[in-house]
Amino acid sequence: MKAIALFSFLIIFCLYTVDAQEAKEVAVTPLNATSFVGVDTYKSLYFIKDMVLHKTGTDGNYVFNDFQLGPIAQVDIINPLKVVIFYRDTNTVVFVDNRLNEIERINFNNLPNFINVGAATNAGNNRLWLFNMDTQQLELFNYRLLLETVVSQPFTGSLKSIASNFNYCYTLTDKKIRAFNIYGSLLAEMDAHGFDKIYQQNENVFALRGNELVFVAKLSQDEPLAPFRKIALPLSENSLKDLHLTQDFLYLYDGKNLRTLTLTLPKN
């Protein structure tokens, strides 16, 4: 509770008091895509065009599609050897390898305990972070044991965005941003402040509001929470379509070009 209170205080206090952070553009690449997914740890680029997932990189160009599953709602590339593709309309997750060959799939409609999934990302160790639409709760789902572990209390407000890694999951509703660990502990929460989407980079949390990107916090067991800082993006108004963060770069897609930027994270 002390950490949550401190987190909320820092966010509110710093909303109007800190300087903007600058991102420096280093490359611009034309990209014809419906949406940009991201760049993995091997520098391969992923994007969706006409319901087909594409991967391009030094090891070749690959595609995956299953039009019967409907449009792709979400792609998690945190593990390039086991990419997670979520199809919301058919309540299905497909796992593909580094060449986008299907490994296996989970149809949540056919499980002994039906789960109405709103979001699905990789949690590692044969687990997925799931948002259960019926209970409005975040869950960890072990797809080998078919075991659900409820992580959160029921959310108030509709889910807008989810970002995760193997240790943490961050959720954004129209009311709150919340941070959870794999043990089901609520680490921090704050008002949503009108944010549209959230992103994570290791333990760093970012939020997007229009074309305004904000560094929200760094969550760690042994470091104080960082203050709220705006990041200046070299984009005209309403030109940002998709965004992805890696350890080295910030990628911005405006519907025509993929812009690569270096980003120096704010210090505590």
Foldseek 3Di string as FASTA:
>chain_A
DVQQVVLQVQAVVQVPPDEAFEWFFDDKAWDAAPAWAQAEPQRWGWGHHPQKIWIDDPVGIAIDHDPVLPHWDHWECPPLQWIWTARLVQQKIFTAGNRRHTDDMDRQCPDPDRFNFDDWYDQDPQWIFTQGPVQQFTWIARPVVRDIDTQDHHDDADWQEWEDYNFKIWTDGQFKIWITGPVSDTSYMYGNVQFRYWYDEQQWIWTHHFNKIKTRWGDDPPDRTDHIHIYDDPDDGNQFDDWDDYPAWIWTDRNTMIITIGGDDDDD
